[in-house]
């Protein structure tokens, strides 16, 4: 880190902001994972339905 002249209060504030950013990013990552799983499940269901339709023809 290049900011060697930071005060303890400035470090505390930087850490607080980074922790908040971390939690926001973590929540977004988890939402993205849930969306990915939902989409993957829907695609799997479509593939299964398509196979079933093709086998009934």
N, C-alpha and C. Protein backbone atom coordinates (compact mmCIF):
# COMPACT_ATOMS: atom_id res chain seq x y z
N UNK A 1 0.85 -1.17 0.00
CA UNK A 1 0.00 0.00 0.00
C UNK A 1 0.90 1.24 0.00
N UNK A 2 0.55 2.22 -0.80
CA UNK A 2 1.39 3.40 -0.93
C UNK A 2 1.06 4.49 0.09
N UNK A 3 -0.10 4.41 0.73
CA UNK A 3 -0.51 5.45 1.68
C UNK A 3 0.06 5.14 3.07
N UNK A 4 1.31 5.51 3.29
CA UNK A 4 1.96 5.19 4.57
C UNK A 4 1.69 6.22 5.65
N UNK A 5 1.08 7.36 5.28
CA UNK A 5 0.85 8.43 6.25
C UNK A 5 -0.60 8.49 6.74
N UNK A 6 -1.33 7.40 6.65
CA UNK A 6 -2.72 7.39 7.09
C UNK A 6 -2.80 7.37 8.61
N UNK A 7 -3.81 8.04 9.13
CA UNK A 7 -4.04 8.00 10.57
C UNK A 7 -4.85 6.76 10.90
N UNK A 8 -4.93 6.45 12.17
CA UNK A 8 -5.72 5.29 12.61
C UNK A 8 -7.19 5.47 12.21
N UNK A 9 -7.70 6.69 12.33
CA UNK A 9 -9.10 6.95 11.94
C UNK A 9 -9.30 6.75 10.44
N UNK A 10 -8.34 7.18 9.65
CA UNK A 10 -8.44 6.98 8.21
C UNK A 10 -8.39 5.51 7.85
N UNK A 11 -7.54 4.77 8.52
CA UNK A 11 -7.49 3.32 8.28
C UNK A 11 -8.79 2.66 8.69
N UNK A 12 -9.35 3.08 9.82
CA UNK A 12 -10.63 2.53 10.26
C UNK A 12 -11.72 2.80 9.23
N UNK A 13 -11.75 4.02 8.71
CA UNK A 13 -12.77 4.38 7.72
C UNK A 13 -12.56 3.60 6.43
N UNK A 14 -11.33 3.46 5.99
CA UNK A 14 -11.04 2.68 4.78
C UNK A 14 -11.47 1.22 4.98
N UNK A 15 -11.16 0.67 6.13
CA UNK A 15 -11.55 -0.71 6.41
C UNK A 15 -13.07 -0.86 6.45
N UNK A 16 -13.76 0.10 7.06
CA UNK A 16 -15.22 0.05 7.14
C UNK A 16 -15.82 0.06 5.74
N UNK A 17 -15.31 0.94 4.89
CA UNK A 17 -15.82 1.01 3.51
C UNK A 17 -15.54 -0.27 2.73
N UNK A 18 -14.33 -0.80 2.90
CA UNK A 18 -13.99 -2.04 2.21
C UNK A 18 -14.84 -3.21 2.68
N UNK A 19 -15.09 -3.26 3.98
CA UNK A 19 -15.95 -4.33 4.49
C UNK A 19 -17.36 -4.21 3.94
N UNK A 20 -17.88 -2.99 3.85
CA UNK A 20 -19.21 -2.78 3.28
C UNK A 20 -19.22 -3.17 1.80
N UNK A 21 -18.19 -2.76 1.06
CA UNK A 21 -18.08 -3.15 -0.35
C UNK A 21 -17.98 -4.66 -0.49
N UNK A 22 -17.22 -5.29 0.40
CA UNK A 22 -17.08 -6.74 0.38
C UNK A 22 -18.43 -7.42 0.58
N UNK A 23 -19.20 -6.95 1.55
CA UNK A 23 -20.51 -7.56 1.81
C UNK A 23 -21.46 -7.35 0.63
N UNK A 24 -21.42 -6.18 0.00
CA UNK A 24 -22.24 -5.93 -1.18
C UNK A 24 -21.84 -6.88 -2.32
N UNK A 25 -20.54 -7.01 -2.55
CA UNK A 25 -20.06 -7.89 -3.61
C UNK A 25 -20.41 -9.35 -3.32
N UNK A 26 -20.30 -9.74 -2.07
CA UNK A 26 -20.64 -11.11 -1.67
C UNK A 26 -22.12 -11.40 -1.93
N UNK A 27 -22.98 -10.45 -1.58
CA UNK A 27 -24.42 -10.62 -1.81
C UNK A 27 -24.71 -10.72 -3.30
N UNK A 28 -24.07 -9.88 -4.11
CA UNK A 28 -24.27 -9.92 -5.56
C UNK A 28 -23.79 -11.26 -6.13
N UNK A 29 -22.67 -11.74 -5.63
CA UNK A 29 -22.12 -13.03 -6.06
C UNK A 29 -23.11 -14.16 -5.74
N UNK A 30 -23.70 -14.11 -4.55
CA UNK A 30 -24.65 -15.15 -4.15
C UNK A 30 -25.92 -15.09 -5.00
N UNK A 31 -26.39 -13.87 -5.28
CA UNK A 31 -27.57 -13.72 -6.16
C UNK A 31 -27.26 -14.26 -7.54
N UNK A 32 -26.07 -13.96 -8.05
CA UNK A 32 -25.69 -14.44 -9.37
C UNK A 32 -25.64 -15.97 -9.38
N UNK A 33 -25.12 -16.55 -8.31
CA UNK A 33 -25.07 -18.02 -8.22
C UNK A 33 -26.46 -18.62 -8.21
N UNK A 34 -27.37 -17.99 -7.48
CA UNK A 34 -28.75 -18.49 -7.43
C UNK A 34 -29.41 -18.36 -8.80
N UNK A 35 -29.17 -17.25 -9.49
CA UNK A 35 -29.71 -17.08 -10.83
C UNK A 35 -29.13 -18.10 -11.79
N UNK A 36 -27.83 -18.34 -11.68
CA UNK A 36 -27.18 -19.34 -12.53
C UNK A 36 -27.83 -20.71 -12.32
N UNK A 37 -28.02 -21.10 -11.06
CA UNK A 37 -28.63 -22.40 -10.76
C UNK A 37 -30.04 -22.49 -11.31
N UNK A 38 -30.83 -21.42 -11.16
CA UNK A 38 -32.20 -21.41 -11.66
C UNK A 38 -32.22 -21.57 -13.18
N UNK A 39 -31.36 -20.82 -13.86
CA UNK A 39 -31.30 -20.89 -15.32
C UNK A 39 -30.83 -22.27 -15.77
N UNK A 40 -29.83 -22.82 -15.11
CA UNK A 40 -29.34 -24.15 -15.46
C UNK A 40 -30.44 -25.20 -15.27
N UNK A 41 -31.21 -25.07 -14.20
CA UNK A 41 -32.33 -26.00 -13.96
C UNK A 41 -33.38 -25.88 -15.07
N UNK A 42 -33.71 -24.67 -15.45
CA UNK A 42 -34.70 -24.47 -16.51
C UNK A 42 -34.21 -25.04 -17.84
N UNK A 43 -32.94 -24.82 -18.15
CA UNK A 43 -32.39 -25.39 -19.39
C UNK A 43 -32.41 -26.91 -19.36
N UNK A 44 -32.08 -27.49 -18.22
CA UNK A 44 -32.12 -28.95 -18.09
C UNK A 44 -33.54 -29.45 -18.31
N UNK A 45 -34.52 -28.76 -17.72
CA UNK A 45 -35.92 -29.17 -17.88
C UNK A 45 -36.35 -29.09 -19.34
N UNK A 46 -35.93 -28.05 -20.04
CA UNK A 46 -36.27 -27.92 -21.46
C UNK A 46 -35.65 -29.05 -22.26
N UNK A 47 -34.40 -29.36 -21.99
CA UNK A 47 -33.75 -30.47 -22.70
C UNK A 47 -34.50 -31.78 -22.46
N UNK A 48 -34.91 -32.02 -21.22
CA UNK A 48 -35.65 -33.25 -20.91
C UNK A 48 -37.00 -33.28 -21.62
N UNK A 49 -37.70 -32.15 -21.60
CA UNK A 49 -38.98 -32.09 -22.31
C UNK A 49 -38.81 -32.30 -23.80
N UNK A 50 -37.76 -31.70 -24.36
CA UNK A 50 -37.51 -31.85 -25.80
C UNK A 50 -37.22 -33.31 -26.14
N UNK A 51 -36.41 -33.98 -25.34
CA UNK A 51 -36.13 -35.42 -25.57
C UNK A 51 -37.40 -36.24 -25.48
N UNK A 52 -38.22 -35.92 -24.50
CA UNK A 52 -39.47 -36.65 -24.32
C UNK A 52 -40.38 -36.44 -25.53
N UNK A 53 -40.46 -35.22 -26.02
CA UNK A 53 -41.28 -34.92 -27.20
C UNK A 53 -40.76 -35.68 -28.41
N UNK A 54 -39.45 -35.68 -28.58
CA UNK A 54 -38.85 -36.34 -29.74
C UNK A 54 -39.05 -37.86 -29.68
N UNK A 55 -39.02 -38.41 -28.47
CA UNK A 55 -39.18 -39.86 -28.36
C UNK A 55 -40.65 -40.27 -28.56
N UNK A 56 -41.57 -39.34 -28.39
CA UNK A 56 -43.00 -39.64 -28.59
C UNK A 56 -43.43 -39.46 -30.04
N UNK A 57 -42.54 -38.98 -30.90
CA UNK A 57 -42.92 -38.77 -32.31
C UNK A 57 -42.69 -40.01 -33.14
